[in-house]
Amino acid sequence: MAPGADPPGTAALDLRERPGRGGVATAGRVLFQLDTYDYLWGAVHPSPNVVNPSGYSLFLWLLWPFHSIVLVALLQHLLGLGIATMVYALARRYGVPGWGATLAAAPVLFDPSQILGEQFVMADLLAMALLVGGFAVLLLPRSPSIWQVVTAGLMTGASVVVRPTALPLVLLVPLFLLLRRAGWRRAGAALLAGLIPVAGYMSWFAAVHGSVNMTNSNGLFLWSRTMSFANCAVIKPPADLQALCPSAQPGRLAEADPSRRLTPKYYLWNHRTWQWRGEPLGFVPDTAAFTQANNGRALRFAIMAIEAQPFSYVHVIAAAAAKPFVTTVNNLRFPAVQPHPSGAASGLVQANQRYEIAAVRGYLGSAQGVAGDLGNGYGTRLESPYSSLMDSYQRVIFLPGQVLALVMLTGLAGLILPRRRTAVAALLWVSAAILLVLPIAEHEYTYRYVLPAVPLACLAAAIALRKPGHETAQT
């Protein structure tokens, strides 16, 4: 898939984290790229994954006895409703009128990207629910008890083992408590509680893979990000890192002009790049390159690149971070037509297909009829009139990028203007900003990573706009 704008009606089909890997969004049950099959495989064979943390797989493991992806999607839709309810309750708690609280919760309830995210067998919705739930436990009471603080910390820490970009929030919650003068005891309890799930997961990872980490991918993801600007004539890497330079990569990836290079995911997943060469392929696809040695090597190069070209790094992050605010072209969308993959267009590799079937069979107890559907997402059946109704709906109802920009600017104004400034709004806005920027700084922009920031940003904006002094006990 070449970079650039997606053809109309295909955005949901082309948001691929790993080029050439099977799976797409559907209007019914949804599996989304090979990450989905990794999560299903991890639920049936519990082990810390070397690419993504396995917190979501543990969630799926709890539901495994029911052998139902429909149940997973149903529970995620209920979590979405719960998130909207918590946003509304928090807004009312801090003096936002009913109509304003309703507007703050509306994107979670009605944005088709959010609804589609609840359909995905992916980690994002669970991480969002844990974060918003943790903030609700922390912020709804006027003065949270030690047990509420501990619960909020545990939920924030649990979100990290689902989506690691939430890690800074483990430190942000204790800082907020100190700013609110809640005392060192509560701040320390929140920090300890937040670190417990992270430390527990890292211990599990170390026991299985031999390195104290959450994955073997953080350095490789960051290396792929530096390919957007890296110039080895400026970086001057040592001989053992020369193979990581853009010019040493195959084909179009060796483009000298950074502005004409492909996006980072192509450097990460192209099996002719340095990290894949000579790596034996196992039954679980696309994990062979994610070793401790490769990850450390990539991290060394990435740090050198950022130190040598800090302004170039900031520039690519700023340019990518602006995308969700200026366009909705790449937002998640339900497919408008039934996908019919064939041959290379399906994006399936034979080895991947065997793994996908095994993952689905293991989780559902049967793979009957699966093989013919994997290329366009297991369970893809666009039913009329529902698919056309959803397509008509998403053409009218969605969250425009410009509105999201206004929401973020409103929340930021609440931090700057003295009469509007509150520690609560600051916590929510900074958390939203971290969730927006960190995935871009680590790898690249995908709208799916924007979704967890939306409820926090809307809530921060609503609190910033309320009349000062109208904080209430209402929930």
Protein backbone atom coordinates (compact mmCIF):
# COMPACT_ATOMS: atom_id res chain seq x y z
CA MET A 1 0.00 0.00 0.00
CA ALA A 2 1.55 3.28 -1.07
CA PRO A 3 1.43 6.24 1.34
CA GLY A 4 -1.07 8.99 0.74
CA ALA A 5 -4.78 9.59 0.96
CA ASP A 6 -7.05 6.56 1.18
CA PRO A 7 -9.65 6.05 -1.54
CA PRO A 8 -13.18 6.93 -0.44
CA GLY A 9 -14.81 4.25 1.66
CA THR A 10 -11.62 2.24 2.27
CA ALA A 11 -10.05 3.97 5.26
CA ALA A 12 -11.06 1.20 7.62
CA LEU A 13 -9.46 -1.34 5.32
CA ASP A 14 -6.08 0.33 4.94
CA LEU A 15 -5.08 1.36 8.46
CA ARG A 16 -2.40 -1.33 8.63
CA GLU A 17 0.17 -1.35 11.38
CA ARG A 18 2.04 -4.17 9.69
CA PRO A 19 2.08 -4.04 5.87
CA GLY A 20 1.19 -7.36 4.31
CA ARG A 21 -0.56 -8.76 7.38
CA GLY A 22 -4.11 -10.01 7.12
CA GLY A 23 -7.34 -8.68 8.58
CA VAL A 24 -9.61 -5.65 8.23
CA ALA A 25 -12.44 -3.86 9.95
CA THR A 26 -15.91 -5.27 9.51
CA ALA A 27 -19.43 -4.07 10.09
CA GLY A 28 -20.16 -7.11 12.23
CA ARG A 29 -17.63 -9.05 14.26
CA VAL A 30 -14.18 -7.57 13.81
CA LEU A 31 -10.63 -8.82 13.83
CA PHE A 32 -8.12 -6.14 12.95
CA GLN A 33 -4.72 -7.07 11.54
CA LEU A 34 -2.45 -9.79 12.83
CA ASP A 35 -2.22 -8.05 16.22
CA THR A 36 -5.74 -9.38 16.81
CA TYR A 37 -4.62 -12.94 16.21
CA ASP A 38 -1.63 -12.32 18.50
CA TYR A 39 -4.04 -11.30 21.26
CA LEU A 40 -6.23 -14.37 20.65
CA TRP A 41 -3.19 -16.64 20.57
CA GLY A 42 -1.94 -15.07 23.81
CA ALA A 43 -5.30 -15.70 25.45
CA VAL A 44 -5.12 -19.41 24.62
CA HIS A 45 -1.36 -19.68 25.23
CA PRO A 46 -0.66 -17.11 27.99
CA SER A 47 2.83 -15.67 27.59
CA PRO A 48 4.18 -12.11 27.38
CA ASN A 49 4.29 -11.09 23.72
CA VAL A 50 7.56 -9.59 22.47
CA VAL A 51 5.84 -6.96 20.27
CA ASN A 52 2.85 -5.75 22.32
CA PRO A 53 2.15 -6.18 26.04
CA SER A 54 -0.26 -9.02 26.74
CA GLY A 55 -2.63 -7.26 29.14
CA TYR A 56 -5.44 -7.41 26.59
CA SER A 57 -4.77 -11.11 26.03
CA LEU A 58 -5.35 -11.65 29.75
CA PHE A 59 -8.71 -9.89 29.39
CA LEU A 60 -9.56 -12.22 26.51
CA TRP A 61 -8.36 -15.19 28.59
CA LEU A 62 -11.02 -14.36 31.20
CA LEU A 63 -13.66 -14.60 28.44
CA TRP A 64 -12.14 -17.65 26.73
CA PRO A 65 -14.53 -20.19 28.38
CA PHE A 66 -17.40 -18.59 26.45
CA HIS A 67 -15.69 -19.10 23.05
CA SER A 68 -17.35 -15.98 21.64
CA ILE A 69 -15.95 -12.96 19.84
CA VAL A 70 -19.48 -11.55 19.83
CA LEU A 71 -19.33 -11.49 23.63
CA VAL A 72 -16.01 -9.61 23.50
CA ALA A 73 -17.50 -6.97 21.21
CA LEU A 74 -20.65 -6.73 23.35
CA LEU A 75 -18.66 -6.16 26.54
CA GLN A 76 -16.54 -3.55 24.78
CA HIS A 77 -19.67 -1.69 23.66
CA LEU A 78 -20.84 -1.75 27.29
CA LEU A 79 -17.46 -0.39 28.34
CA GLY A 80 -17.93 2.40 25.80
CA LEU A 81 -21.27 3.28 27.38
CA GLY A 82 -19.58 3.18 30.77
CA ILE A 83 -16.87 5.57 29.59
CA ALA A 84 -19.50 8.05 28.36
CA THR A 85 -21.36 7.77 31.67
CA MET A 86 -18.18 8.48 33.65
CA VAL A 87 -17.36 11.49 31.46
CA TYR A 88 -20.85 12.87 32.06
CA ALA A 89 -20.67 12.19 35.82
CA LEU A 90 -17.25 13.82 36.18
CA ALA A 91 -18.33 16.87 34.21
CA ARG A 92 -21.41 17.29 36.41
CA ARG A 93 -19.29 16.77 39.52
CA TYR A 94 -17.16 19.76 38.55
CA GLY A 95 -20.02 22.15 37.87
CA VAL A 96 -20.57 21.66 34.14
CA PRO A 97 -24.27 22.11 33.25
CA GLY A 98 -26.19 19.13 31.92
CA TRP A 99 -26.02 20.19 28.28
CA GLY A 100 -22.25 20.75 28.54
CA ALA A 101 -21.69 17.37 30.18
CA THR A 102 -23.78 15.76 27.45
CA LEU A 103 -21.65 17.39 24.75
CA ALA A 104 -18.48 16.19 26.49
CA ALA A 105 -19.75 12.60 26.44
CA ALA A 106 -21.21 12.77 22.91
CA PRO A 107 -18.05 11.75 20.94
CA VAL A 108 -17.75 8.53 22.95
CA LEU A 109 -21.41 7.75 22.32
CA PHE A 110 -21.84 8.74 18.67
CA ASP A 111 -18.50 9.03 16.83
CA PRO A 112 -18.37 6.10 14.35
CA SER A 113 -14.62 5.78 14.95
CA GLN A 114 -15.31 5.15 18.62
CA ILE A 115 -18.09 2.66 17.82
CA LEU A 116 -15.80 0.82 15.41
CA GLY A 117 -13.03 0.84 18.02
CA GLU A 118 -15.41 -0.94 20.38
CA GLN A 119 -15.86 -3.62 17.70
CA PHE A 120 -12.14 -4.27 17.24
CA VAL A 121 -10.56 -7.20 19.02
CA MET A 122 -7.77 -4.80 19.95
CA ALA A 123 -6.36 -3.33 23.15
CA ASP A 124 -7.31 0.34 22.78
CA LEU A 125 -10.85 0.29 24.18
CA LEU A 126 -9.86 -1.64 27.31
CA ALA A 127 -6.99 0.78 27.99
CA MET A 128 -9.37 3.73 27.57
CA ALA A 129 -11.88 2.20 29.99
CA LEU A 130 -9.21 1.56 32.62
CA LEU A 131 -7.87 5.11 32.37
CA VAL A 132 -11.24 6.87 32.48
CA GLY A 133 -12.36 4.52 35.24
CA GLY A 134 -9.25 5.30 37.26
CA PHE A 135 -9.83 9.04 36.88
CA ALA A 136 -13.49 8.61 37.91
CA VAL A 137 -12.48 6.77 41.09
CA LEU A 138 -9.89 9.45 41.83
CA LEU A 139 -11.86 12.58 40.95
CA LEU A 140 -15.52 11.92 41.78
CA PRO A 141 -15.12 12.15 45.58
CA ARG A 142 -14.28 15.52 47.09
CA SER A 143 -11.46 13.98 49.07
CA PRO A 144 -10.54 10.48 47.90
CA SER A 145 -9.80 7.90 50.56
CA ILE A 146 -6.57 5.96 50.61
CA TRP A 147 -8.38 2.96 49.07
CA GLN A 148 -9.80 5.06 46.25
CA VAL A 149 -6.33 6.43 45.54
CA VAL A 150 -4.91 2.90 45.52
CA THR A 151 -7.69 1.70 43.19
CA ALA A 152 -7.07 4.60 40.80
CA GLY A 153 -3.35 3.80 40.80
CA LEU A 154 -3.96 0.11 40.14
CA MET A 155 -6.30 0.89 37.24
CA THR A 156 -3.77 3.29 35.72
CA GLY A 157 -1.00 0.72 36.10
CA ALA A 158 -3.22 -1.97 34.57
CA SER A 159 -3.79 0.28 31.54
CA VAL A 160 -0.03 0.33 30.99
CA VAL A 161 0.16 -3.46 30.54
CA VAL A 162 -2.62 -3.06 27.97
CA ARG A 163 -1.22 0.00 26.14
CA PRO A 164 2.27 1.07 27.37
CA THR A 165 1.87 4.68 26.18
CA ALA A 166 -0.10 5.22 29.41
CA LEU A 167 3.07 4.75 31.50
CA PRO A 168 3.69 8.49 32.19
CA LEU A 169 0.23 8.70 33.75
CA VAL A 170 1.42 6.41 36.56
CA LEU A 171 3.66 9.32 37.62
CA LEU A 172 1.14 12.01 36.75
CA VAL A 173 -1.51 10.81 39.23
CA PRO A 174 0.77 11.11 42.32
CA LEU A 175 1.94 14.53 41.09
CA PHE A 176 -1.70 15.62 40.83
CA LEU A 177 -2.34 14.46 44.40
CA LEU A 178 0.62 16.48 45.63
CA LEU A 179 -0.63 19.58 43.79
CA ARG A 180 -4.03 19.06 45.40
CA ARG A 181 -2.29 18.80 48.78
CA ALA A 182 -3.68 15.35 49.35
CA GLY A 183 -0.52 14.46 51.24
CA TRP A 184 2.56 12.35 50.67
CA ARG A 185 0.83 9.25 52.02
CA ARG A 186 -1.87 9.27 49.34
CA ALA A 187 0.58 10.27 46.60
CA GLY A 188 2.97 7.50 47.59
CA ALA A 189 0.16 4.95 47.74
CA ALA A 190 -1.01 5.94 44.25
CA LEU A 191 2.53 5.63 42.87
CA LEU A 192 3.12 2.25 44.50
CA ALA A 193 -0.25 0.93 43.32
CA GLY A 194 0.43 2.14 39.78
CA LEU A 195 3.83 0.45 39.70
CA ILE A 196 2.61 -2.91 41.00
CA PRO A 197 0.94 -4.09 37.72
CA VAL A 198 3.88 -2.75 35.68
CA ALA A 199 6.52 -4.40 37.90
CA GLY A 200 4.53 -7.63 37.97
CA TYR A 201 4.28 -7.75 34.19
CA MET A 202 7.97 -6.90 33.73
CA SER A 203 8.88 -9.71 36.12
CA TRP A 204 6.78 -12.12 34.08
CA PHE A 205 8.44 -10.90 30.87
CA ALA A 206 11.91 -11.29 32.42
CA ALA A 207 11.11 -14.83 33.56
CA VAL A 208 10.04 -15.82 30.05
CA HIS A 209 12.33 -13.76 27.80
CA GLY A 210 15.30 -12.97 30.02
CA SER A 211 15.17 -9.15 29.94
CA VAL A 212 13.52 -6.74 32.38
CA ASN A 213 11.19 -4.97 29.99
CA MET A 214 7.57 -4.94 28.83
CA THR A 215 8.43 -5.86 25.23
CA ASN A 216 11.39 -6.33 22.92
CA SER A 217 9.95 -3.74 20.55
CA ASN A 218 10.32 -0.26 22.08
CA GLY A 219 13.77 0.33 20.57
CA LEU A 220 12.72 -1.05 17.18
CA PHE A 221 9.61 1.12 17.08
CA LEU A 222 11.67 4.20 17.96
CA TRP A 223 14.28 3.31 15.33
CA SER A 224 11.52 3.17 12.71
CA ARG A 225 10.41 6.65 13.82
CA THR A 226 13.90 8.05 13.24
CA MET A 227 13.79 6.84 9.65
CA SER A 228 11.53 9.85 9.00
CA PHE A 229 14.50 12.19 9.41
CA ALA A 230 17.73 10.27 10.05
CA ASN A 231 20.85 11.41 8.15
CA CYS A 232 23.81 9.20 8.94
CA ALA A 233 26.21 11.84 7.64
CA VAL A 234 25.10 13.91 10.61
CA ILE A 235 24.56 11.07 13.09
CA LYS A 236 27.92 9.36 12.36
CA PRO A 237 26.96 6.00 13.90
CA PRO A 238 29.69 3.47 14.76
CA ALA A 239 30.41 0.60 12.39
CA ASP A 240 28.11 -1.86 14.16
CA LEU A 241 25.13 0.51 13.60
CA GLN A 242 25.80 1.40 9.96
CA ALA A 243 23.32 -1.27 8.84
CA LEU A 244 20.54 0.70 10.58
CA CYS A 245 21.01 3.80 8.40
CA PRO A 246 18.28 4.60 5.86
CA SER A 247 20.73 4.19 2.99
CA ALA A 248 21.38 0.58 4.05
CA GLN A 249 17.73 -0.43 3.75
CA PRO A 250 16.31 -2.14 0.65
CA GLY A 251 14.55 -0.58 -2.33
CA ARG A 252 12.51 2.57 -1.76
CA LEU A 253 13.39 2.51 1.93
CA ALA A 254 16.87 3.77 0.99
CA GLU A 255 15.47 7.12 -0.20
CA ALA A 256 17.96 9.89 0.70
CA ASP A 257 15.39 12.69 0.94
CA PRO A 258 13.48 12.31 4.26
CA SER A 259 10.44 14.10 2.83
CA ARG A 260 10.06 11.34 0.22
CA ARG A 261 10.57 8.35 2.50
CA LEU A 262 7.87 5.84 3.32
CA THR A 263 6.25 5.94 6.74
CA PRO A 264 7.96 4.23 9.72
CA LYS A 265 5.84 1.07 9.63
CA TYR A 266 7.42 0.05 6.31
CA TYR A 267 10.88 0.17 7.87
CA LEU A 268 9.71 -1.86 10.85
CA TRP A 269 7.87 -4.65 9.03
CA ASN A 270 9.70 -5.04 5.71
CA HIS A 271 11.38 -8.43 6.02
CA ARG A 272 14.36 -7.33 3.93
CA THR A 273 15.49 -4.71 6.47
CA TRP A 274 18.39 -5.35 8.84
CA GLN A 275 16.47 -6.76 11.80
CA TRP A 276 14.92 -9.60 9.79
CA ARG A 277 17.97 -10.77 7.86
CA GLY A 278 18.95 -14.28 8.82
CA GLU A 279 16.20 -14.55 11.44
CA PRO A 280 14.49 -17.95 11.45
CA LEU A 281 10.73 -17.86 11.00
CA GLY A 282 8.59 -19.51 13.67
CA PHE A 283 4.95 -20.49 13.73
CA VAL A 284 3.99 -17.15 15.32
CA PRO A 285 4.68 -14.69 12.46
CA ASP A 286 6.60 -11.44 12.62
CA THR A 287 8.20 -11.94 16.01
CA ALA A 288 11.62 -13.33 15.03
CA ALA A 289 13.23 -9.88 14.73
CA PHE A 290 12.07 -8.75 18.17
CA THR A 291 14.98 -10.02 20.20
CA GLN A 292 16.66 -8.33 23.14
CA ALA A 293 19.82 -7.82 21.06
CA ASN A 294 18.00 -6.24 18.09
CA ASN A 295 15.89 -4.07 20.38
CA GLY A 296 18.94 -2.77 22.22
CA ARG A 297 20.80 -2.12 18.98
CA ALA A 298 17.86 -0.20 17.52
CA LEU A 299 17.49 1.84 20.70
CA ARG A 300 21.15 2.85 20.59
CA PHE A 301 20.78 4.10 17.00
CA ALA A 302 17.53 5.91 17.78
CA ILE A 303 19.02 7.76 20.75
CA MET A 304 22.04 8.78 18.68
CA ALA A 305 19.77 10.00 15.85
CA ILE A 306 17.60 12.08 18.20
CA GLU A 307 20.64 13.57 19.94
CA ALA A 308 22.25 14.46 16.61
CA GLN A 309 19.06 15.83 15.00
CA PRO A 310 16.75 16.96 17.83
CA PHE A 311 14.96 19.63 15.79
CA SER A 312 14.28 17.20 12.95
CA TYR A 313 12.77 14.78 15.46
CA VAL A 314 10.56 17.49 16.94
CA HIS A 315 9.50 18.58 13.45
CA VAL A 316 8.30 15.11 12.37
CA ILE A 317 6.43 14.67 15.65
CA ALA A 318 4.75 18.07 15.34
CA ALA A 319 3.76 17.42 11.72
CA ALA A 320 2.26 14.03 12.55
CA ALA A 321 0.58 15.31 15.72
CA ALA A 322 -1.26 17.93 13.66
CA LYS A 323 -2.92 15.33 11.42
CA PRO A 324 -5.92 14.45 13.62
CA PHE A 325 -6.76 18.17 13.90
CA VAL A 326 -6.65 19.14 10.23
CA THR A 327 -8.23 16.16 8.47
CA THR A 328 -10.63 13.30 9.00
CA VAL A 329 -9.56 11.37 5.89
CA ASN A 330 -7.71 8.72 7.86
CA ASN A 331 -10.27 8.34 10.63
CA LEU A 332 -11.61 4.87 11.24
CA ARG A 333 -14.67 4.11 9.17
CA PHE A 334 -16.98 1.15 8.75
CA PRO A 335 -16.50 -0.40 5.30
CA ALA A 336 -19.11 0.67 2.78
CA VAL A 337 -18.73 -2.36 0.48
CA GLN A 338 -18.11 -6.02 1.06
CA PRO A 339 -14.36 -6.74 0.77
CA HIS A 340 -13.47 -9.52 -1.67
CA PRO A 341 -9.73 -10.13 -1.43
CA SER A 342 -7.98 -12.31 -3.96
CA GLY A 343 -4.38 -13.34 -4.36
CA ALA A 344 -1.83 -10.72 -3.30
CA ALA A 345 -4.57 -8.15 -2.74
CA SER A 346 -5.76 -10.07 0.30
CA GLY A 347 -2.54 -9.22 2.13
CA LEU A 348 -2.34 -12.80 3.38
CA VAL A 349 0.83 -14.83 3.63
CA GLN A 350 0.29 -18.58 3.74
CA ALA A 351 2.21 -18.96 6.99
CA ASN A 352 0.19 -16.14 8.54
CA GLN A 353 -3.04 -17.80 7.47
CA ARG A 354 -2.15 -21.04 9.26
CA TYR A 355 -1.40 -19.05 12.39
CA GLU A 356 -4.61 -17.02 12.11
CA ILE A 357 -6.72 -20.16 11.75
CA ALA A 358 -4.98 -21.74 14.74
CA ALA A 359 -5.54 -18.62 16.87
CA VAL A 360 -9.23 -18.42 16.00
CA ARG A 361 -9.71 -22.19 16.42
CA GLY A 362 -8.02 -22.11 19.79
CA TYR A 363 -10.17 -19.24 21.05
CA LEU A 364 -13.53 -20.21 19.56
CA GLY A 365 -13.11 -23.96 19.72
CA SER A 366 -13.70 -24.28 15.97
CA ALA A 367 -12.33 -22.86 12.74
CA GLN A 368 -15.17 -24.05 10.54
CA GLY A 369 -15.57 -21.65 7.63
CA VAL A 370 -12.75 -19.40 8.83
CA ALA A 371 -10.16 -19.97 6.11
CA GLY A 372 -12.20 -18.29 3.39
CA ASP A 373 -12.87 -15.22 5.52
CA LEU A 374 -9.49 -14.38 7.02
CA GLY A 375 -8.41 -12.20 4.12
CA ASN A 376 -11.22 -9.75 4.73
CA GLY A 377 -11.60 -10.22 8.49
CA TYR A 378 -13.19 -13.23 10.13
CA GLY A 379 -16.95 -12.69 10.33
CA THR A 380 -17.13 -10.03 7.63
CA ARG A 381 -20.64 -10.07 6.29
CA LEU A 382 -22.11 -6.71 5.42
CA GLU A 383 -25.83 -7.14 5.92
CA SER A 384 -28.38 -4.87 4.27
CA PRO A 385 -29.88 -2.53 5.23
CA TYR A 386 -27.62 -2.23 8.30
CA SER A 387 -24.35 -1.69 6.44
CA SER A 388 -25.84 1.03 4.23
CA LEU A 389 -27.47 2.68 7.25
CA MET A 390 -24.12 2.72 9.06
CA ASP A 391 -22.40 4.13 6.01
CA SER A 392 -25.02 6.90 5.74
CA TYR A 393 -24.69 7.59 9.46
CA GLN A 394 -20.91 7.98 9.39
CA ARG A 395 -21.09 10.39 6.48
CA VAL A 396 -23.08 12.81 8.67
CA ILE A 397 -22.11 12.01 12.26
CA PHE A 398 -18.41 12.08 13.10
CA LEU A 399 -15.88 14.12 15.06
CA PRO A 400 -14.24 16.61 12.64
CA GLY A 401 -10.55 17.24 13.16
CA GLN A 402 -11.17 20.96 13.50
CA VAL A 403 -13.63 20.36 16.35
CA LEU A 404 -11.10 18.14 18.12
CA ALA A 405 -8.53 20.94 17.72
CA LEU A 406 -10.99 23.39 19.28
CA VAL A 407 -11.55 20.99 22.18
CA MET A 408 -7.81 20.70 22.82
CA LEU A 409 -7.32 24.47 22.59
CA THR A 410 -10.19 25.07 25.00
CA GLY A 411 -8.67 22.69 27.51
CA LEU A 412 -5.29 24.37 27.07
CA ALA A 413 -6.87 27.78 27.72
CA GLY A 414 -8.17 26.33 30.96
CA LEU A 415 -4.57 25.74 31.99
CA ILE A 416 -3.38 29.20 31.02
CA LEU A 417 -6.19 31.49 32.21
CA PRO A 418 -5.88 31.97 36.00
CA ARG A 419 -9.65 32.11 36.69
CA ARG A 420 -10.22 28.89 34.74
CA ARG A 421 -7.17 26.98 35.93
CA THR A 422 -7.72 23.82 38.00
CA ALA A 423 -5.52 20.87 38.86
CA VAL A 424 -8.26 18.51 37.65
CA ALA A 425 -8.42 20.07 34.18
CA ALA A 426 -4.61 20.08 34.05
CA LEU A 427 -4.45 16.36 34.89
CA LEU A 428 -7.01 15.51 32.21
CA TRP A 429 -5.56 17.74 29.49
CA VAL A 430 -1.95 16.68 30.04
CA SER A 431 -3.05 13.03 30.07
CA ALA A 432 -4.86 13.53 26.75
CA ALA A 433 -1.82 15.26 25.25
CA ILE A 434 0.46 12.41 26.35
CA LEU A 435 -1.84 9.79 24.85
CA LEU A 436 -1.93 11.76 21.58
CA VAL A 437 1.77 12.53 21.21
CA LEU A 438 3.61 9.58 22.71
CA PRO A 439 2.60 6.96 20.09
CA ILE A 440 3.64 9.43 17.38
CA ALA A 441 6.96 10.11 19.10
CA GLU A 442 7.58 6.38 19.45
CA HIS A 443 6.42 5.17 16.03
CA GLU A 444 3.88 7.00 13.85
CA TYR A 445 0.39 8.48 13.61
CA THR A 446 -2.68 6.26 13.40
CA TYR A 447 -6.12 7.62 14.28
CA ARG A 448 -6.84 4.56 16.40
CA TYR A 449 -4.27 5.90 18.88
CA VAL A 450 -6.14 9.20 19.11
CA LEU A 451 -9.36 7.67 20.45
CA PRO A 452 -8.26 7.14 24.10
CA ALA A 453 -7.40 10.85 24.35
CA VAL A 454 -10.80 12.10 23.16
CA PRO A 455 -12.89 11.61 26.35
CA LEU A 456 -10.15 13.14 28.52
CA ALA A 457 -9.75 16.13 26.19
CA CYS A 458 -13.53 16.70 26.05
CA LEU A 459 -13.77 16.53 29.83
CA ALA A 460 -10.86 18.95 30.30
CA ALA A 461 -12.49 21.42 27.89
CA ALA A 462 -15.87 21.15 29.62
CA ILE A 463 -14.33 21.86 33.03
CA ALA A 464 -12.37 24.79 31.61
CA LEU A 465 -15.59 26.34 30.25
CA ARG A 466 -17.68 25.97 33.40
CA LYS A 467 -18.35 28.97 35.59
CA PRO A 468 -15.65 29.19 38.29
CA GLY A 469 -16.80 28.22 41.76
CA HIS A 470 -19.59 25.90 40.54
CA GLU A 471 -18.01 22.63 41.63
CA THR A 472 -20.75 20.39 43.01
CA ALA A 473 -21.18 17.07 44.69
CA GLN A 474 -23.56 15.95 41.96
CA THR A 475 -22.53 12.85 40.01
